[in-house]
Amino acid sequence: MAVALVLSACTGGTSARPSPDGRTGTPTAATTSASPVPVPSTTLRLPPAPAGGFDPAVQVVIEGAPTLRAEVARRPDQRARGLMQRTSLADDAGMVFLFPQRGQGGFYMLGTLIPLSIAYVDGDRVVSTAEMVPCPGQQCPTYPPDGPYTMAVEAPSGFFPRYGVTAGTRIRLVGETAPPE
């Protein structure tokens, strides 16, 4: 059953899986406009590509910023893979991570080849943002939110600071997707 999203997320919030060094976090990757770059499995232990890919893109409408077209990661396997192995991300593209309940786990950039901006969102308001850098090895830093969130939005590096998106900025999704699992 499809759910029309008019607010920022259903409910959500715990991270998808712990990082390789035991910290909690959701690894990220990239979007449909990019081609994956193979990384030898002996070098990095990456989650597999999600069965069936990602959910169809939705529009992320952000107060004071251009609208993003973002793929949806609402299942654990989709959230675990995120934007890993993408070599580029269009200026108006991103990924939205939906969670079934509020959480506070930070994201990390294992296997992510491009720098990204992230906004943690609770309801229809940004909780905090961060600039994340690629992590070539297994020991990756986490980027924790400043509070609980139900959704995270990843965008091209510098996107959120460029448009003054900070705590309290309104964000909403427009489009249809199934509820987060």
C-alpha atoms as a PDB file:
ATOM      1  CA  MET A   1       0.000   0.000   0.000  1.00  0.00           C
ATOM      2  CA  ALA A   2       1.472   3.355  -0.962  1.00  0.00           C
ATOM      3  CA  VAL A   3       1.569   6.237   1.453  1.00  0.00           C
ATOM      4  CA  ALA A   4       1.487   9.805   0.209  1.00  0.00           C
ATOM      5  CA  LEU A   5       4.156  11.783   2.000  1.00  0.00           C
ATOM      6  CA  VAL A   6       3.357  15.390   2.619  1.00  0.00           C
ATOM      7  CA  LEU A   7       5.360  15.848   5.794  1.00  0.00           C
ATOM      8  CA  SER A   8       8.969  14.990   6.220  1.00  0.00           C
ATOM      9  CA  ALA A   9       8.718  11.350   7.277  1.00  0.00           C
ATOM     10  CA  CYS A  10       6.513   8.776   8.826  1.00  0.00           C
ATOM     11  CA  THR A  11       8.315   7.821  11.993  1.00  0.00           C
ATOM     12  CA  GLY A  12      11.823   6.704  12.334  1.00  0.00           C
ATOM     13  CA  GLY A  13      15.195   6.840  13.704  1.00  0.00           C
ATOM     14  CA  THR A  14      17.544   4.094  14.637  1.00  0.00           C
ATOM     15  CA  SER A  15      20.524   3.527  12.453  1.00  0.00           C
ATOM     16  CA  ALA A  16      20.561   0.682   9.989  1.00  0.00           C
ATOM     17  CA  ARG A  17      23.627  -1.174  11.243  1.00  0.00           C
ATOM     18  CA  PRO A  18      26.758  -0.679  13.333  1.00  0.00           C
ATOM     19  CA  SER A  19      29.899   0.551  11.639  1.00  0.00           C
ATOM     20  CA  PRO A  20      32.733  -1.953  11.146  1.00  0.00           C
ATOM     21  CA  ASP A  21      34.512  -0.656  14.238  1.00  0.00           C
ATOM     22  CA  GLY A  22      31.414  -1.188  16.395  1.00  0.00           C
ATOM     23  CA  ARG A  23      29.996   2.350  16.388  1.00  0.00           C
ATOM     24  CA  THR A  24      26.365   2.725  15.463  1.00  0.00           C
ATOM     25  CA  GLY A  25      25.646   4.382  12.155  1.00  0.00           C
ATOM     26  CA  THR A  26      24.235   4.066   8.688  1.00  0.00           C
ATOM     27  CA  PRO A  27      26.729   3.797   5.872  1.00  0.00           C
ATOM     28  CA  THR A  28      25.877   5.914   2.883  1.00  0.00           C
ATOM     29  CA  ALA A  29      26.487   5.634  -0.864  1.00  0.00           C
ATOM     30  CA  ALA A  30      25.021   7.736  -3.915  1.00  0.00           C
ATOM     31  CA  THR A  31      22.077   8.127  -6.463  1.00  0.00           C
ATOM     32  CA  THR A  32      20.720   6.853  -9.762  1.00  0.00           C
ATOM     33  CA  SER A  33      22.632   9.304 -11.928  1.00  0.00           C
ATOM     34  CA  ALA A  34      25.972   7.800 -10.928  1.00  0.00           C
ATOM     35  CA  SER A  35      27.721   4.612 -11.915  1.00  0.00           C
ATOM     36  CA  PRO A  36      29.153   2.354  -9.201  1.00  0.00           C
ATOM     37  CA  VAL A  37      32.878   1.787  -8.945  1.00  0.00           C
ATOM     38  CA  PRO A  38      33.854  -1.759  -7.953  1.00  0.00           C
ATOM     39  CA  VAL A  39      35.846  -2.087  -4.747  1.00  0.00           C
ATOM     40  CA  PRO A  40      37.523  -5.425  -4.013  1.00  0.00           C
ATOM     41  CA  SER A  41      35.579  -7.207  -1.260  1.00  0.00           C
ATOM     42  CA  THR A  42      38.876  -8.029   0.440  1.00  0.00           C
ATOM     43  CA  THR A  43      39.477  -4.292   0.881  1.00  0.00           C
ATOM     44  CA  LEU A  44      36.116  -3.157   2.285  1.00  0.00           C
ATOM     45  CA  ARG A  45      33.262  -5.138   3.792  1.00  0.00           C
ATOM     46  CA  LEU A  46      30.285  -3.395   2.185  1.00  0.00           C
ATOM     47  CA  PRO A  47      26.632  -4.363   2.428  1.00  0.00           C
ATOM     48  CA  PRO A  48      25.218  -5.766  -0.812  1.00  0.00           C
ATOM     49  CA  ALA A  49      23.101  -3.678  -3.156  1.00  0.00           C
ATOM     50  CA  PRO A  50      19.484  -3.796  -1.932  1.00  0.00           C
ATOM     51  CA  ALA A  51      17.242  -6.418  -3.506  1.00  0.00           C
ATOM     52  CA  GLY A  52      15.045  -4.588  -6.009  1.00  0.00           C
ATOM     53  CA  GLY A  53      17.100  -1.395  -5.693  1.00  0.00           C
ATOM     54  CA  PHE A  54      15.801   1.738  -4.006  1.00  0.00           C
ATOM     55  CA  ASP A  55      12.231   3.014  -3.901  1.00  0.00           C
ATOM     56  CA  PRO A  56      11.173   5.598  -6.513  1.00  0.00           C
ATOM     57  CA  ALA A  57      12.361   9.132  -5.960  1.00  0.00           C
ATOM     58  CA  VAL A  58      10.348  11.760  -4.106  1.00  0.00           C
ATOM     59  CA  GLN A  59      10.685  15.540  -4.077  1.00  0.00           C
ATOM     60  CA  VAL A  60      12.363  16.989  -0.972  1.00  0.00           C
ATOM     61  CA  VAL A  61      11.027  20.514  -0.514  1.00  0.00           C
ATOM     62  CA  ILE A  62      13.319  22.533   1.743  1.00  0.00           C
ATOM     63  CA  GLU A  63      12.538  26.010   3.027  1.00  0.00           C
ATOM     64  CA  GLY A  64      14.908  28.477   1.307  1.00  0.00           C
ATOM     65  CA  ALA A  65      16.624  25.875  -0.893  1.00  0.00           C
ATOM     66  CA  PRO A  66      16.069  24.267  -4.296  1.00  0.00           C
ATOM     67  CA  THR A  67      13.941  21.127  -4.338  1.00  0.00           C
ATOM     68  CA  LEU A  68      15.884  17.869  -4.394  1.00  0.00           C
ATOM     69  CA  ARG A  69      14.872  14.716  -6.241  1.00  0.00           C
ATOM     70  CA  ALA A  70      15.812  11.947  -3.795  1.00  0.00           C
ATOM     71  CA  GLU A  71      15.753   8.174  -3.968  1.00  0.00           C
ATOM     72  CA  VAL A  72      14.058   6.586  -0.969  1.00  0.00           C
ATOM     73  CA  ALA A  73      15.782   4.178   1.433  1.00  0.00           C
ATOM     74  CA  ARG A  74      13.035   2.898   3.738  1.00  0.00           C
ATOM     75  CA  ARG A  75      14.079  -0.739   4.270  1.00  0.00           C
ATOM     76  CA  PRO A  76      17.085  -1.889   6.358  1.00  0.00           C
ATOM     77  CA  ASP A  77      18.951  -3.197   3.276  1.00  0.00           C
ATOM     78  CA  GLN A  78      18.399   0.102   1.437  1.00  0.00           C
ATOM     79  CA  ARG A  79      19.487   2.208   4.433  1.00  0.00           C
ATOM     80  CA  ALA A  80      22.599   0.035   4.915  1.00  0.00           C
ATOM     81  CA  ARG A  81      23.751   0.585   1.324  1.00  0.00           C
ATOM     82  CA  GLY A  82      22.714   4.217   0.881  1.00  0.00           C
ATOM     83  CA  LEU A  83      24.945   6.136  -1.527  1.00  0.00           C
ATOM     84  CA  MET A  84      27.936   3.789  -1.333  1.00  0.00           C
ATOM     85  CA  GLN A  85      30.061   3.372  -4.456  1.00  0.00           C
ATOM     86  CA  ARG A  86      28.522   6.256  -6.396  1.00  0.00           C
ATOM     87  CA  THR A  87      31.029   8.397  -8.263  1.00  0.00           C
ATOM     88  CA  SER A  88      28.852  11.480  -8.666  1.00  0.00           C
ATOM     89  CA  LEU A  89      25.618  13.056  -7.550  1.00  0.00           C
ATOM     90  CA  ALA A  90      23.653  15.616  -9.540  1.00  0.00           C
ATOM     91  CA  ASP A  91      23.273  19.060  -7.929  1.00  0.00           C
ATOM     92  CA  ASP A  92      19.542  18.489  -7.457  1.00  0.00           C
ATOM     93  CA  ALA A  93      19.727  14.832  -6.375  1.00  0.00           C
ATOM     94  CA  GLY A  94      19.966  13.045  -3.062  1.00  0.00           C
ATOM     95  CA  MET A  95      18.699  10.216  -0.919  1.00  0.00           C
ATOM     96  CA  VAL A  96      16.141  10.245   1.858  1.00  0.00           C
ATOM     97  CA  PHE A  97      16.386   7.657   4.639  1.00  0.00           C
ATOM     98  CA  LEU A  98      13.091   6.903   6.377  1.00  0.00           C
ATOM     99  CA  PHE A  99      12.995   5.120   9.741  1.00  0.00           C
ATOM    100  CA  PRO A 100      10.121   3.308  11.496  1.00  0.00           C
ATOM    101  CA  GLN A 101      10.811   5.080  14.796  1.00  0.00           C
ATOM    102  CA  ARG A 102      12.804   7.996  16.219  1.00  0.00           C
ATOM    103  CA  GLY A 103      16.499   7.384  16.777  1.00  0.00           C
ATOM    104  CA  GLN A 104      19.798   9.137  17.357  1.00  0.00           C
ATOM    105  CA  GLY A 105      22.380   6.972  15.578  1.00  0.00           C
ATOM    106  CA  GLY A 106      24.906   8.821  13.454  1.00  0.00           C
ATOM    107  CA  PHE A 107      25.733   8.091   9.813  1.00  0.00           C
ATOM    108  CA  TYR A 108      29.180   7.147   8.507  1.00  0.00           C
ATOM    109  CA  MET A 109      30.748   7.103   5.064  1.00  0.00           C
ATOM    110  CA  LEU A 110      32.201   3.593   4.634  1.00  0.00           C
ATOM    111  CA  GLY A 111      32.590   2.891   0.914  1.00  0.00           C
ATOM    112  CA  THR A 112      31.201   6.291  -0.035  1.00  0.00           C
ATOM    113  CA  LEU A 113      33.289   7.886  -2.753  1.00  0.00           C
ATOM    114  CA  ILE A 114      31.872  11.413  -2.784  1.00  0.00           C
ATOM    115  CA  PRO A 115      31.497  14.014  -0.002  1.00  0.00           C
ATOM    116  CA  LEU A 116      27.917  14.622   1.120  1.00  0.00           C
ATOM    117  CA  SER A 117      25.776  16.998   3.178  1.00  0.00           C
ATOM    118  CA  ILE A 118      23.321  15.419   5.605  1.00  0.00           C
ATOM    119  CA  ALA A 119      20.283  16.862   7.351  1.00  0.00           C
ATOM    120  CA  TYR A 120      18.706  14.952  10.226  1.00  0.00           C
ATOM    121  CA  VAL A 121      14.969  15.671  10.363  1.00  0.00           C
ATOM    122  CA  ASP A 122      12.287  15.072  12.993  1.00  0.00           C
ATOM    123  CA  GLY A 123       8.719  15.669  11.861  1.00  0.00           C
ATOM    124  CA  ASP A 124       8.999  18.548   9.414  1.00  0.00           C
ATOM    125  CA  ARG A 125      12.008  20.306  10.977  1.00  0.00           C
ATOM    126  CA  VAL A 126      15.757  19.912  10.620  1.00  0.00           C
ATOM    127  CA  VAL A 127      17.419  18.754  13.847  1.00  0.00           C
ATOM    128  CA  SER A 128      20.989  19.339  12.619  1.00  0.00           C
ATOM    129  CA  THR A 129      23.195  19.133   9.548  1.00  0.00           C
ATOM    130  CA  ALA A 130      26.743  17.939   8.901  1.00  0.00           C
ATOM    131  CA  GLU A 131      29.283  17.785   6.105  1.00  0.00           C
ATOM    132  CA  MET A 132      30.563  14.236   5.597  1.00  0.00           C
ATOM    133  CA  VAL A 133      33.759  13.174   3.832  1.00  0.00           C
ATOM    134  CA  PRO A 134      34.502   9.882   2.046  1.00  0.00           C
ATOM    135  CA  CYS A 135      36.048   7.117   4.130  1.00  0.00           C
ATOM    136  CA  PRO A 136      38.428   4.826   2.230  1.00  0.00           C
ATOM    137  CA  GLY A 137      39.004   2.329   5.053  1.00  0.00           C
ATOM    138  CA  GLN A 138      37.145   0.374   7.723  1.00  0.00           C
ATOM    139  CA  GLN A 139      37.733   2.934  10.526  1.00  0.00           C
ATOM    140  CA  CYS A 140      35.222   5.639   9.638  1.00  0.00           C
ATOM    141  CA  PRO A 141      34.092   8.541  11.829  1.00  0.00           C
ATOM    142  CA  THR A 142      30.407   8.894  12.566  1.00  0.00           C
ATOM    143  CA  TYR A 143      28.420  12.079  12.049  1.00  0.00           C
ATOM    144  CA  PRO A 144      25.908  12.178  14.924  1.00  0.00           C
ATOM    145  CA  PRO A 145      22.748  14.296  14.981  1.00  0.00           C
ATOM    146  CA  ASP A 146      22.056  16.881  17.684  1.00  0.00           C
ATOM    147  CA  GLY A 147      18.869  15.062  18.685  1.00  0.00           C
ATOM    148  CA  PRO A 148      16.372  12.362  17.712  1.00  0.00           C
ATOM    149  CA  TYR A 149      15.268  12.135  14.092  1.00  0.00           C
ATOM    150  CA  THR A 150      12.836  10.186  11.906  1.00  0.00           C
ATOM    151  CA  MET A 151      14.443  10.920   8.556  1.00  0.00           C
ATOM    152  CA  ALA A 152      17.829  11.832   7.131  1.00  0.00           C
ATOM    153  CA  VAL A 153      18.386  13.578   3.801  1.00  0.00           C
ATOM    154  CA  GLU A 154      21.711  13.339   1.975  1.00  0.00           C
ATOM    155  CA  ALA A 155      22.564  15.875  -0.715  1.00  0.00           C
ATOM    156  CA  PRO A 156      25.671  16.979  -2.632  1.00  0.00           C
ATOM    157  CA  SER A 157      28.491  18.309  -0.463  1.00  0.00           C
ATOM    158  CA  GLY A 158      27.883  21.863   0.739  1.00  0.00           C
ATOM    159  CA  PHE A 159      24.181  21.868  -0.185  1.00  0.00           C
ATOM    160  CA  PHE A 160      22.720  22.572   3.265  1.00  0.00           C
ATOM    161  CA  PRO A 161      25.238  25.276   4.325  1.00  0.00           C
ATOM    162  CA  ARG A 162      25.012  26.935   0.885  1.00  0.00           C
ATOM    163  CA  TYR A 163      21.281  27.522   1.346  1.00  0.00           C
ATOM    164  CA  GLY A 164      21.338  28.315   5.062  1.00  0.00           C
ATOM    165  CA  VAL A 165      19.606  25.082   6.098  1.00  0.00           C
ATOM    166  CA  THR A 166      20.059  24.754   9.855  1.00  0.00           C
ATOM    167  CA  ALA A 167      18.183  23.441  12.898  1.00  0.00           C
ATOM    168  CA  GLY A 168      14.525  24.431  12.629  1.00  0.00           C
ATOM    169  CA  THR A 169      14.407  24.717   8.820  1.00  0.00           C
ATOM    170  CA  ARG A 170      11.238  23.127   7.435  1.00  0.00           C
ATOM    171  CA  ILE A 171      11.489  20.101   5.138  1.00  0.00           C
ATOM    172  CA  ARG A 172       8.732  18.030   3.589  1.00  0.00           C
ATOM    173  CA  LEU A 173       8.501  15.190   1.110  1.00  0.00           C
ATOM    174  CA  VAL A 174       6.174  15.186  -1.870  1.00  0.00           C
ATOM    175  CA  GLY A 175       5.542  11.846  -3.546  1.00  0.00           C
ATOM    176  CA  GLU A 176       4.498   8.338  -2.693  1.00  0.00           C
ATOM    177  CA  THR A 177       6.366   5.575  -0.928  1.00  0.00           C
ATOM    178  CA  ALA A 178       5.559   2.648   1.313  1.00  0.00           C
ATOM    179  CA  PRO A 179       6.015   3.074   5.078  1.00  0.00           C
ATOM    180  CA  PRO A 180       9.505   2.530   6.503  1.00  0.00           C
ATOM    181  CA  GLU A 181      10.399  -0.929   7.761  1.00  0.00           C
END
